[in-house]
C-alpha atoms as a PDB file:
ATOM      1  CA  MET A   1     -66.771 211.881 -41.007  1.00  0.00           C
ATOM      2  CA  ALA A   2     -65.215 208.999 -42.924  1.00  0.00           C
ATOM      3  CA  THR A   3     -61.800 207.786 -41.844  1.00  0.00           C
ATOM      4  CA  ILE A   4     -59.329 207.349 -44.673  1.00  0.00           C
ATOM      5  CA  PRO A   5     -55.919 205.676 -44.490  1.00  0.00           C
ATOM      6  CA  GLU A   6     -52.899 207.931 -44.181  1.00  0.00           C
ATOM      7  CA  LEU A   7     -51.509 208.511 -47.661  1.00  0.00           C
ATOM      8  CA  LYS A   8     -47.840 208.374 -48.501  1.00  0.00           C
ATOM      9  CA  ARG A   9     -46.769 211.872 -49.386  1.00  0.00           C
ATOM     10  CA  LYS A  10     -43.527 213.761 -49.521  1.00  0.00           C
ATOM     11  CA  THR A  11     -43.225 215.787 -46.349  1.00  0.00           C
ATOM     12  CA  CYS A  12     -40.714 218.226 -44.932  1.00  0.00           C
ATOM     13  CA  THR A  13     -39.700 218.460 -41.313  1.00  0.00           C
ATOM     14  CA  TYR A  14     -39.946 221.931 -39.823  1.00  0.00           C
ATOM     15  CA  SER A  15     -38.643 223.135 -36.513  1.00  0.00           C
ATOM     16  CA  PHE A  16     -40.426 225.811 -34.539  1.00  0.00           C
ATOM     17  CA  HIS A  17     -38.254 228.380 -32.815  1.00  0.00           C
ATOM     18  CA  ARG A  18     -38.996 228.438 -29.090  1.00  0.00           C
ATOM     19  CA  GLU A  19     -37.437 230.888 -26.691  1.00  0.00           C
ATOM     20  CA  PRO A  20     -36.363 229.510 -23.293  1.00  0.00           C
ATOM     21  CA  LEU A  21     -39.285 231.009 -21.400  1.00  0.00           C
ATOM     22  CA  THR A  22     -38.256 230.015 -17.874  1.00  0.00           C
ATOM     23  CA  SER A  23     -37.474 233.597 -16.935  1.00  0.00           C
ATOM     24  CA  LEU A  24     -40.612 234.962 -18.589  1.00  0.00           C
ATOM     25  CA  ILE A  25     -42.882 232.469 -16.837  1.00  0.00           C
ATOM     26  CA  GLU A  26     -42.024 234.269 -13.615  1.00  0.00           C
ATOM     27  CA  LEU A  27     -43.441 237.433 -15.166  1.00  0.00           C
ATOM     28  CA  SER A  28     -46.470 236.160 -17.071  1.00  0.00           C
ATOM     29  CA  ASN A  29     -48.507 233.045 -17.749  1.00  0.00           C
ATOM     30  CA  PHE A  30     -47.516 232.553 -21.369  1.00  0.00           C
ATOM     31  CA  VAL A  31     -48.156 229.078 -22.687  1.00  0.00           C
ATOM     32  CA  THR A  32     -46.414 227.695 -25.800  1.00  0.00           C
ATOM     33  CA  GLY A  33     -48.529 225.924 -28.390  1.00  0.00           C
ATOM     34  CA  ASP A  34     -48.545 222.323 -29.570  1.00  0.00           C
ATOM     35  CA  PRO A  35     -46.254 222.017 -32.636  1.00  0.00           C
ATOM     36  CA  VAL A  36     -48.005 218.965 -34.138  1.00  0.00           C
ATOM     37  CA  PRO A  37     -51.015 220.848 -35.619  1.00  0.00           C
ATOM     38  CA  LEU A  38     -48.616 223.391 -37.142  1.00  0.00           C
ATOM     39  CA  GLN A  39     -46.384 220.655 -38.547  1.00  0.00           C
ATOM     40  CA  THR A  40     -49.480 219.200 -40.175  1.00  0.00           C
ATOM     41  CA  LEU A  41     -50.747 222.537 -41.468  1.00  0.00           C
ATOM     42  CA  LEU A  42     -47.448 223.396 -43.166  1.00  0.00           C
ATOM     43  CA  GLN A  43     -47.484 220.187 -45.184  1.00  0.00           C
ATOM     44  CA  PHE A  44     -50.490 221.579 -47.062  1.00  0.00           C
ATOM     45  CA  TYR A  45     -48.988 224.965 -47.949  1.00  0.00           C
ATOM     46  CA  ASP A  46     -49.410 225.907 -51.617  1.00  0.00           C
ATOM     47  CA  PRO A  47     -46.640 228.380 -52.532  1.00  0.00           C
ATOM     48  CA  GLU A  48     -48.222 229.421 -55.825  1.00  0.00           C
ATOM     49  CA  LEU A  49     -51.551 230.405 -54.280  1.00  0.00           C
ATOM     50  CA  ARG A  50     -50.205 231.529 -50.862  1.00  0.00           C
ATOM     51  CA  CYS A  51     -52.706 229.354 -49.009  1.00  0.00           C
ATOM     52  CA  PHE A  52     -53.184 225.924 -47.478  1.00  0.00           C
ATOM     53  CA  THR A  53     -54.877 223.607 -49.973  1.00  0.00           C
ATOM     54  CA  PHE A  54     -56.801 220.598 -48.682  1.00  0.00           C
ATOM     55  CA  GLN A  55     -58.895 218.014 -50.496  1.00  0.00           C
ATOM     56  CA  ASP A  56     -61.871 220.239 -51.379  1.00  0.00           C
ATOM     57  CA  TYR A  57     -61.214 223.585 -49.678  1.00  0.00           C
ATOM     58  CA  GLN A  58     -58.519 226.177 -49.060  1.00  0.00           C
ATOM     59  CA  LEU A  59     -57.583 228.174 -45.963  1.00  0.00           C
ATOM     60  CA  ALA A  60     -55.408 231.271 -45.649  1.00  0.00           C
ATOM     61  CA  PRO A  61     -55.009 233.699 -42.731  1.00  0.00           C
ATOM     62  CA  THR A  62     -56.194 237.241 -43.395  1.00  0.00           C
ATOM     63  CA  LEU A  63     -55.717 240.712 -41.986  1.00  0.00           C
ATOM     64  CA  GLU A  64     -59.296 240.696 -40.782  1.00  0.00           C
ATOM     65  CA  GLU A  65     -58.948 237.430 -38.857  1.00  0.00           C
ATOM     66  CA  TYR A  66     -55.653 238.418 -37.247  1.00  0.00           C
ATOM     67  CA  SER A  67     -57.220 241.754 -36.325  1.00  0.00           C
ATOM     68  CA  ILE A  68     -60.071 239.975 -34.557  1.00  0.00           C
ATOM     69  CA  LEU A  69     -57.791 237.498 -32.806  1.00  0.00           C
ATOM     70  CA  MET A  70     -55.485 240.310 -31.613  1.00  0.00           C
ATOM     71  CA  ASN A  71     -58.371 242.702 -30.896  1.00  0.00           C
ATOM     72  CA  VAL A  72     -56.511 245.417 -32.817  1.00  0.00           C
ATOM     73  CA  PRO A  73     -58.254 247.313 -35.657  1.00  0.00           C
ATOM     74  CA  ILE A  74     -56.327 247.492 -38.911  1.00  0.00           C
ATOM     75  CA  ARG A  75     -57.887 250.450 -40.670  1.00  0.00           C
ATOM     76  CA  TYR A  76     -56.654 254.017 -40.338  1.00  0.00           C
ATOM     77  CA  GLN A  77     -53.499 253.029 -38.493  1.00  0.00           C
ATOM     78  CA  VAL A  78     -49.919 253.250 -39.717  1.00  0.00           C
ATOM     79  CA  PRO A  79     -48.289 249.829 -40.249  1.00  0.00           C
ATOM     80  CA  PHE A  80     -44.620 249.071 -39.694  1.00  0.00           C
ATOM     81  CA  LEU A  81     -42.420 249.784 -42.734  1.00  0.00           C
ATOM     82  CA  ASP A  82     -38.839 249.512 -41.531  1.00  0.00           C
ATOM     83  CA  VAL A  83     -36.588 250.300 -38.587  1.00  0.00           C
ATOM     84  CA  PRO A  84     -35.208 253.864 -38.419  1.00  0.00           C
ATOM     85  CA  LYS A  85     -31.636 254.403 -39.551  1.00  0.00           C
ATOM     86  CA  GLU A  86     -30.689 255.640 -36.085  1.00  0.00           C
ATOM     87  CA  VAL A  87     -31.915 254.581 -32.652  1.00  0.00           C
ATOM     88  CA  ASP A  88     -33.581 257.332 -30.627  1.00  0.00           C
ATOM     89  CA  PHE A  89     -32.615 256.176 -27.152  1.00  0.00           C
ATOM     90  CA  ARG A  90     -34.714 258.913 -25.586  1.00  0.00           C
ATOM     91  CA  VAL A  91     -37.916 257.504 -27.067  1.00  0.00           C
ATOM     92  CA  VAL A  92     -37.040 253.920 -26.145  1.00  0.00           C
ATOM     93  CA  ALA A  93     -36.045 254.893 -22.608  1.00  0.00           C
ATOM     94  CA  ARG A  94     -39.229 256.892 -22.033  1.00  0.00           C
ATOM     95  CA  ALA A  95     -41.445 254.036 -23.257  1.00  0.00           C
ATOM     96  CA  LEU A  96     -39.693 251.477 -21.041  1.00  0.00           C
ATOM     97  CA  HIS A  97     -39.362 253.744 -17.992  1.00  0.00           C
ATOM     98  CA  LEU A  98     -35.585 253.488 -18.085  1.00  0.00           C
ATOM     99  CA  SER A  99     -32.815 256.045 -18.240  1.00  0.00           C
ATOM    100  CA  ILE A 100     -31.235 256.902 -21.579  1.00  0.00           C
ATOM    101  CA  LYS A 101     -27.877 255.686 -20.287  1.00  0.00           C
ATOM    102  CA  GLU A 102     -29.329 252.321 -19.219  1.00  0.00           C
ATOM    103  CA  VAL A 103     -30.807 251.746 -22.660  1.00  0.00           C
ATOM    104  CA  SER A 104     -27.741 252.900 -24.624  1.00  0.00           C
ATOM    105  CA  ASP A 105     -25.337 250.926 -22.423  1.00  0.00           C
ATOM    106  CA  ASN A 106     -27.348 247.732 -22.882  1.00  0.00           C
ATOM    107  CA  TRP A 107     -28.116 248.178 -26.581  1.00  0.00           C
ATOM    108  CA  LYS A 108     -26.256 245.248 -28.160  1.00  0.00           C
ATOM    109  CA  SER A 109     -25.879 243.410 -31.439  1.00  0.00           C
ATOM    110  CA  SER A 110     -26.879 239.786 -31.985  1.00  0.00           C
ATOM    111  CA  GLY A 111     -26.207 238.266 -35.368  1.00  0.00           C
ATOM    112  CA  ASP A 112     -27.252 240.845 -37.946  1.00  0.00           C
ATOM    113  CA  VAL A 113     -29.685 242.718 -35.676  1.00  0.00           C
ATOM    114  CA  VAL A 114     -29.424 245.119 -32.748  1.00  0.00           C
ATOM    115  CA  GLY A 115     -31.612 245.519 -29.691  1.00  0.00           C
ATOM    116  CA  LEU A 116     -31.871 244.640 -26.016  1.00  0.00           C
ATOM    117  CA  PRO A 117     -30.882 241.305 -24.431  1.00  0.00           C
ATOM    118  CA  LEU A 118     -33.780 239.421 -22.873  1.00  0.00           C
ATOM    119  CA  LYS A 119     -31.745 238.803 -19.706  1.00  0.00           C
ATOM    120  CA  TYR A 120     -31.379 242.546 -19.136  1.00  0.00           C
ATOM    121  CA  LEU A 121     -35.100 243.230 -19.609  1.00  0.00           C
ATOM    122  CA  VAL A 122     -36.071 240.377 -17.278  1.00  0.00           C
ATOM    123  CA  ARG A 123     -33.764 241.732 -14.594  1.00  0.00           C
ATOM    124  CA  MET A 124     -35.155 245.258 -14.904  1.00  0.00           C
ATOM    125  CA  ALA A 125     -38.764 244.036 -14.848  1.00  0.00           C
ATOM    126  CA  LYS A 126     -38.132 242.020 -11.692  1.00  0.00           C
ATOM    127  CA  GLU A 127     -36.655 245.077 -10.005  1.00  0.00           C
ATOM    128  CA  GLU A 128     -39.670 247.195 -10.973  1.00  0.00           C
ATOM    129  CA  ALA A 129     -42.034 244.518  -9.660  1.00  0.00           C
ATOM    130  CA  LYS A 130     -40.237 244.439  -6.314  1.00  0.00           C
ATOM    131  CA  LYS A 131     -40.611 248.204  -6.061  1.00  0.00           C
ATOM    132  CA  GLY A 132     -44.289 248.049  -7.017  1.00  0.00           C
ATOM    133  CA  ASN A 133     -43.695 250.174 -10.138  1.00  0.00           C
ATOM    134  CA  TRP A 134     -46.344 248.381 -12.143  1.00  0.00           C
ATOM    135  CA  GLU A 135     -46.519 250.823 -15.032  1.00  0.00           C
ATOM    136  CA  ALA A 136     -42.819 250.292 -15.713  1.00  0.00           C
ATOM    137  CA  PHE A 137     -43.165 246.540 -15.162  1.00  0.00           C
ATOM    138  CA  HIS A 138     -46.038 246.266 -17.648  1.00  0.00           C
ATOM    139  CA  ALA A 139     -44.138 248.243 -20.296  1.00  0.00           C
ATOM    140  CA  GLN A 140     -41.059 246.035 -19.915  1.00  0.00           C
ATOM    141  CA  LEU A 141     -43.131 242.861 -19.914  1.00  0.00           C
ATOM    142  CA  ALA A 142     -44.912 244.052 -23.060  1.00  0.00           C
ATOM    143  CA  ILE A 143     -41.675 244.710 -24.948  1.00  0.00           C
ATOM    144  CA  MET A 144     -40.470 241.222 -24.031  1.00  0.00           C
ATOM    145  CA  ILE A 145     -43.683 239.706 -25.378  1.00  0.00           C
ATOM    146  CA  TYR A 146     -43.259 241.721 -28.584  1.00  0.00           C
ATOM    147  CA  GLY A 147     -39.684 240.511 -29.011  1.00  0.00           C
ATOM    148  CA  VAL A 148     -40.068 236.903 -27.856  1.00  0.00           C
ATOM    149  CA  VAL A 149     -43.612 235.913 -28.838  1.00  0.00           C
ATOM    150  CA  LEU A 150     -44.938 238.271 -31.512  1.00  0.00           C
ATOM    151  CA  PHE A 151     -41.787 239.070 -33.480  1.00  0.00           C
ATOM    152  CA  PRO A 152     -39.074 236.525 -32.593  1.00  0.00           C
ATOM    153  CA  SER A 153     -35.704 237.087 -34.216  1.00  0.00           C
ATOM    154  CA  MET A 154     -32.591 235.985 -32.335  1.00  0.00           C
ATOM    155  CA  PRO A 155     -32.664 233.752 -29.219  1.00  0.00           C
ATOM    156  CA  ASN A 156     -32.780 235.607 -25.903  1.00  0.00           C
ATOM    157  CA  PHE A 157     -33.044 238.939 -27.682  1.00  0.00           C
ATOM    158  CA  VAL A 158     -35.571 241.715 -28.382  1.00  0.00           C
ATOM    159  CA  ASP A 159     -34.491 243.240 -31.667  1.00  0.00           C
ATOM    160  CA  PHE A 160     -34.876 246.773 -33.012  1.00  0.00           C
ATOM    161  CA  ALA A 161     -37.781 245.795 -35.284  1.00  0.00           C
ATOM    162  CA  ALA A 162     -39.830 244.515 -32.326  1.00  0.00           C
ATOM    163  CA  VAL A 163     -38.971 247.663 -30.353  1.00  0.00           C
ATOM    164  CA  THR A 164     -40.014 249.881 -33.279  1.00  0.00           C
ATOM    165  CA  ILE A 165     -43.372 248.131 -33.677  1.00  0.00           C
ATOM    166  CA  PHE A 166     -43.939 248.329 -29.925  1.00  0.00           C
ATOM    167  CA  LEU A 167     -43.282 252.082 -29.932  1.00  0.00           C
ATOM    168  CA  GLY A 168     -45.786 252.844 -32.651  1.00  0.00           C
ATOM    169  CA  GLY A 169     -47.575 251.372 -35.632  1.00  0.00           C
ATOM    170  CA  ASN A 170     -50.103 248.606 -36.069  1.00  0.00           C
ATOM    171  CA  PRO A 171     -48.659 245.131 -35.374  1.00  0.00           C
ATOM    172  CA  VAL A 172     -51.355 243.202 -37.262  1.00  0.00           C
ATOM    173  CA  PRO A 173     -50.116 243.635 -40.878  1.00  0.00           C
ATOM    174  CA  THR A 174     -46.555 242.867 -39.746  1.00  0.00           C
ATOM    175  CA  LEU A 175     -47.676 239.734 -37.891  1.00  0.00           C
ATOM    176  CA  LEU A 176     -49.451 238.475 -41.010  1.00  0.00           C
ATOM    177  CA  ALA A 177     -46.507 239.414 -43.243  1.00  0.00           C
ATOM    178  CA  ASP A 178     -44.042 237.575 -41.012  1.00  0.00           C
ATOM    179  CA  THR A 179     -46.323 234.530 -41.024  1.00  0.00           C
ATOM    180  CA  TYR A 180     -46.508 234.309 -44.805  1.00  0.00           C
ATOM    181  CA  TYR A 181     -42.849 235.232 -45.343  1.00  0.00           C
ATOM    182  CA  ALA A 182     -41.568 232.697 -42.809  1.00  0.00           C
ATOM    183  CA  ILE A 183     -43.686 229.864 -44.229  1.00  0.00           C
ATOM    184  CA  HIS A 184     -43.029 230.730 -47.865  1.00  0.00           C
ATOM    185  CA  SER A 185     -39.272 231.156 -47.464  1.00  0.00           C
ATOM    186  CA  ARG A 186     -38.911 227.775 -45.717  1.00  0.00           C
ATOM    187  CA  HIS A 187     -41.320 225.836 -47.928  1.00  0.00           C
ATOM    188  CA  GLY A 188     -39.752 222.657 -49.267  1.00  0.00           C
ATOM    189  CA  LYS A 189     -36.628 223.256 -47.215  1.00  0.00           C
ATOM    190  CA  GLY A 190     -37.700 222.639 -43.642  1.00  0.00           C
ATOM    191  CA  GLY A 191     -35.905 224.387 -40.823  1.00  0.00           C
ATOM    192  CA  ALA A 192     -36.896 226.992 -38.294  1.00  0.00           C
ATOM    193  CA  ILE A 193     -40.122 228.946 -38.769  1.00  0.00           C
ATOM    194  CA  ARG A 194     -39.762 232.347 -37.095  1.00  0.00           C
ATOM    195  CA  CYS A 195     -43.059 234.119 -36.739  1.00  0.00           C
ATOM    196  CA  CYS A 196     -45.819 234.362 -34.132  1.00  0.00           C
ATOM    197  CA  LEU A 197     -46.604 230.651 -33.948  1.00  0.00           C
ATOM    198  CA  PRO A 198     -49.218 230.881 -31.154  1.00  0.00           C
ATOM    199  CA  LEU A 199     -51.270 233.275 -33.315  1.00  0.00           C
ATOM    200  CA  LEU A 200     -51.038 231.040 -36.381  1.00  0.00           C
ATOM    201  CA  LEU A 201     -52.060 228.045 -34.275  1.00  0.00           C
ATOM    202  CA  ARG A 202     -54.977 229.910 -32.747  1.00  0.00           C
ATOM    203  CA  TRP A 203     -56.194 230.940 -36.208  1.00  0.00           C
ATOM    204  CA  PHE A 204     -55.962 227.389 -37.550  1.00  0.00           C
ATOM    205  CA  LEU A 205     -57.759 225.813 -34.594  1.00  0.00           C
ATOM    206  CA  SER A 206     -60.527 228.437 -34.751  1.00  0.00           C
ATOM    207  CA  LEU A 207     -61.641 227.017 -38.096  1.00  0.00           C
ATOM    208  CA  LEU A 208     -61.580 223.337 -37.151  1.00  0.00           C
ATOM    209  CA  PRO A 209     -64.512 221.352 -35.695  1.00  0.00           C
ATOM    210  CA  THR A 210     -64.917 221.454 -31.912  1.00  0.00           C
ATOM    211  CA  SER A 211     -67.072 218.339 -31.686  1.00  0.00           C
ATOM    212  CA  GLY A 212     -67.908 215.225 -33.637  1.00  0.00           C
ATOM    213  CA  PRO A 213     -65.660 212.608 -35.282  1.00  0.00           C
ATOM    214  CA  PHE A 214     -62.712 215.015 -35.715  1.00  0.00           C
ATOM    215  CA  VAL A 215     -62.501 215.548 -31.957  1.00  0.00           C
ATOM    216  CA  ASP A 216     -63.437 211.976 -31.069  1.00  0.00           C
ATOM    217  CA  ALA A 217     -60.517 210.651 -33.132  1.00  0.00           C
ATOM    218  CA  GLN A 218     -57.847 212.769 -31.476  1.00  0.00           C
ATOM    219  CA  SER A 219     -56.570 209.893 -29.320  1.00  0.00           C
ATOM    220  CA  THR A 220     -56.634 207.251 -32.054  1.00  0.00           C
ATOM    221  CA  HIS A 221     -55.591 209.031 -35.251  1.00  0.00           C
ATOM    222  CA  LYS A 222     -52.666 211.208 -36.256  1.00  0.00           C
ATOM    223  CA  TRP A 223     -53.223 214.890 -37.004  1.00  0.00           C
ATOM    224  CA  THR A 224     -52.538 214.289 -40.699  1.00  0.00           C
ATOM    225  CA  GLN A 225     -55.221 211.621 -40.905  1.00  0.00           C
ATOM    226  CA  ARG A 226     -57.728 213.758 -39.038  1.00  0.00           C
ATOM    227  CA  ILE A 227     -57.097 216.809 -41.231  1.00  0.00           C
ATOM    228  CA  MET A 228     -57.227 214.829 -44.460  1.00  0.00           C
ATOM    229  CA  SER A 229     -60.569 213.374 -43.388  1.00  0.00           C
ATOM    230  CA  LEU A 230     -62.156 216.807 -43.181  1.00  0.00           C
ATOM    231  CA  THR A 231     -64.232 218.171 -46.031  1.00  0.00           C
ATOM    232  CA  PHE A 232     -65.574 221.577 -46.940  1.00  0.00           C
ATOM    233  CA  TYR A 233     -68.667 220.880 -44.818  1.00  0.00           C
ATOM    234  CA  ASP A 234     -66.665 220.277 -41.634  1.00  0.00           C
ATOM    235  CA  ILE A 235     -64.875 223.640 -41.516  1.00  0.00           C
ATOM    236  CA  ARG A 236     -66.308 226.286 -39.205  1.00  0.00           C
ATOM    237  CA  TRP A 237     -66.730 228.932 -41.884  1.00  0.00           C
ATOM    238  CA  GLN A 238     -68.915 230.957 -39.550  1.00  0.00           C
ATOM    239  CA  SER A 239     -66.093 231.653 -37.048  1.00  0.00           C
ATOM    240  CA  TYR A 240     -65.520 235.227 -38.251  1.00  0.00           C
ATOM    241  CA  ARG A 241     -68.706 235.827 -40.228  1.00  0.00           C
ATOM    242  CA  MET A 242     -70.367 238.200 -37.741  1.00  0.00           C
ATOM    243  CA  ASN A 243     -67.232 240.272 -37.167  1.00  0.00           C
ATOM    244  CA  VAL A 244     -66.244 241.289 -40.683  1.00  0.00           C
ATOM    245  CA  ARG A 245     -68.113 243.792 -42.831  1.00  0.00           C
ATOM    246  CA  ASN A 246     -65.358 245.005 -45.140  1.00  0.00           C
ATOM    247  CA  VAL A 247     -62.429 243.052 -46.552  1.00  0.00           C
ATOM    248  CA  ILE A 248     -59.203 244.586 -47.810  1.00  0.00           C
ATOM    249  CA  MET A 249     -58.846 242.993 -51.239  1.00  0.00           C
ATOM    250  CA  SER A 250     -56.123 245.083 -52.892  1.00  0.00           C
ATOM    251  CA  TYR A 251     -53.815 248.078 -52.455  1.00  0.00           C
ATOM    252  CA  ARG A 252     -53.671 250.691 -55.216  1.00  0.00           C
ATOM    253  CA  GLU A 253     -51.849 249.226 -58.237  1.00  0.00           C
ATOM    254  CA  PHE A 254     -51.664 245.770 -56.641  1.00  0.00           C
ATOM    255  CA  ARG A 255     -54.524 243.393 -57.444  1.00  0.00           C
ATOM    256  CA  ASN A 256     -53.899 241.511 -54.202  1.00  0.00           C
ATOM    257  CA  VAL A 257     -52.459 242.631 -50.845  1.00  0.00           C
ATOM    258  CA  PRO A 258     -48.722 243.272 -50.400  1.00  0.00           C
ATOM    259  CA  LEU A 259     -47.439 242.968 -46.844  1.00  0.00           C
ATOM    260  CA  ILE A 260     -44.282 244.329 -45.237  1.00  0.00           C
ATOM    261  CA  GLY A 261     -42.783 242.235 -42.459  1.00  0.00           C
ATOM    262  CA  THR A 262     -39.724 242.531 -40.273  1.00  0.00           C
ATOM    263  CA  LYS A 263     -37.560 240.548 -42.721  1.00  0.00           C
ATOM    264  CA  GLY A 264     -39.250 240.691 -46.098  1.00  0.00           C
ATOM    265  CA  CYS A 265     -42.219 241.611 -48.256  1.00  0.00           C
ATOM    266  CA  ILE A 266     -44.780 239.192 -49.628  1.00  0.00           C
ATOM    267  CA  ASN A 267     -48.301 239.348 -51.021  1.00  0.00           C
ATOM    268  CA  TYR A 268     -51.286 237.258 -50.045  1.00  0.00           C
ATOM    269  CA  ASN A 269     -54.521 236.651 -51.932  1.00  0.00           C
ATOM    270  CA  PRO A 270     -57.667 237.613 -49.967  1.00  0.00           C
ATOM    271  CA  VAL A 271     -59.924 236.466 -52.784  1.00  0.00           C
ATOM    272  CA  LEU A 272     -59.195 232.876 -51.712  1.00  0.00           C
ATOM    273  CA  SER A 273     -60.307 233.574 -48.133  1.00  0.00           C
ATOM    274  CA  LEU A 274     -63.688 235.190 -48.714  1.00  0.00           C
ATOM    275  CA  ARG A 275     -65.627 232.181 -47.468  1.00  0.00           C
ATOM    276  CA  GLN A 276     -63.696 232.260 -44.179  1.00  0.00           C
ATOM    277  CA  LEU A 277     -64.976 235.802 -43.672  1.00  0.00           C
ATOM    278  CA  GLY A 278     -68.601 234.996 -44.485  1.00  0.00           C
ATOM    279  CA  PHE A 279     -68.714 236.076 -48.116  1.00  0.00           C
ATOM    280  CA  VAL A 280     -69.666 234.091 -51.207  1.00  0.00           C
ATOM    281  CA  MET A 281     -67.012 233.341 -53.823  1.00  0.00           C
ATOM    282  CA  ASN A 282     -68.517 234.096 -57.220  1.00  0.00           C
ATOM    283  CA  GLY A 283     -66.664 232.218 -59.892  1.00  0.00           C
ATOM    284  CA  ARG A 284     -62.997 231.586 -60.460  1.00  0.00           C
ATOM    285  CA  PRO A 285     -60.535 234.280 -59.246  1.00  0.00           C
ATOM    286  CA  LEU A 286     -58.818 236.371 -61.888  1.00  0.00           C
ATOM    287  CA  ASP A 287     -55.227 235.391 -62.584  1.00  0.00           C
ATOM    288  CA  ALA A 288     -54.041 238.832 -61.432  1.00  0.00           C
ATOM    289  CA  GLU A 289     -55.773 238.324 -58.072  1.00  0.00           C
ATOM    290  CA  ILE A 290     -53.758 235.197 -57.262  1.00  0.00           C
ATOM    291  CA  ALA A 291     -50.490 235.980 -59.044  1.00  0.00           C
ATOM    292  CA  GLU A 292     -47.284 236.687 -57.150  1.00  0.00           C
ATOM    293  CA  SER A 293     -46.920 240.461 -57.011  1.00  0.00           C
ATOM    294  CA  VAL A 294     -44.407 240.808 -54.184  1.00  0.00           C
ATOM    295  CA  TYR A 295     -41.801 238.523 -52.640  1.00  0.00           C
ATOM    296  CA  PHE A 296     -38.351 239.755 -51.651  1.00  0.00           C
ATOM    297  CA  GLU A 297     -36.049 240.303 -48.715  1.00  0.00           C
ATOM    298  CA  LYS A 298     -36.346 243.900 -47.562  1.00  0.00           C
ATOM    299  CA  ARG A 299     -32.689 244.847 -47.611  1.00  0.00           C
ATOM    300  CA  SER A 300     -32.236 243.391 -51.105  1.00  0.00           C
ATOM    301  CA  ASP A 301     -34.473 245.943 -52.849  1.00  0.00           C
ATOM    302  CA  PRO A 302     -34.930 249.315 -51.065  1.00  0.00           C
ATOM    303  CA  ALA A 303     -36.639 250.869 -54.098  1.00  0.00           C
ATOM    304  CA  ARG A 304     -39.245 248.119 -54.251  1.00  0.00           C
ATOM    305  CA  LEU A 305     -39.762 248.388 -50.501  1.00  0.00           C
ATOM    306  CA  GLU A 306     -40.491 252.097 -50.877  1.00  0.00           C
ATOM    307  CA  GLN A 307     -43.010 251.362 -53.638  1.00  0.00           C
ATOM    308  CA  VAL A 308     -44.820 248.804 -51.499  1.00  0.00           C
ATOM    309  CA  GLY A 309     -44.753 251.194 -48.545  1.00  0.00           C
ATOM    310  CA  ARG A 310     -46.466 253.906 -50.578  1.00  0.00           C
ATOM    311  CA  ALA A 311     -49.300 251.500 -51.410  1.00  0.00           C
END
């Protein structure tokens, strides 16, 4: 792998939202990821194509890859569309092994969302652990992971969207939607990226070389230099090849794949990721396959949200 000098390029500085996990470390062994690879990755985001464009190849996370990484199938399961208009405290209480009164009394607002404070859930989980009520403990730990790691919203808070996804529905499409929406909405602006950063990092690293000059240079070269030195031949295209037989390429009237996240809707273009999944790209993609078909904040266009949901 040839080493090339670091080029001068316009870059944006992004910040990665991190919850104060001191209280959660007592409950689980969650480890936060290194922000430098993600900082580097985001500098290569191409907003028109919804992918990361490098010198002679492109990368873009897919439903199939996230499904494999999460070990959650994506077919024949209902994805998250939106939070219900009213909170059913009975359902939430039953899932978390709490009383209806406990849930309703601690249901709070934070910013423009509602949900349960992290401090309250940590306290309840500790009490259940002391009692040896492990089923209740695991449920409460899981909802905290949903709200803090998978679907972060407000600091120290598990919002209604995270609770809704936890109660039912497939998290994979929402995780991918939040990833694309968070990156796309902050592109060129910098600022906080709120999505499941550990999953995005794990996906990115899974495609990079695990030996050779790229690894050998980790102590002597910056991430940007190392990434820019990679070519098409260095990427581990085989990472997901044996695990994917069918690829979701489009939904009904959409020529690409629209996704509904916790905050907004956005499409991504699977045709650009076929090589990652072990398939051959035959020719140039059609314009309709890589055109923007969906990008909007959910609450700004309820009618459009309903249309995407029907797809």
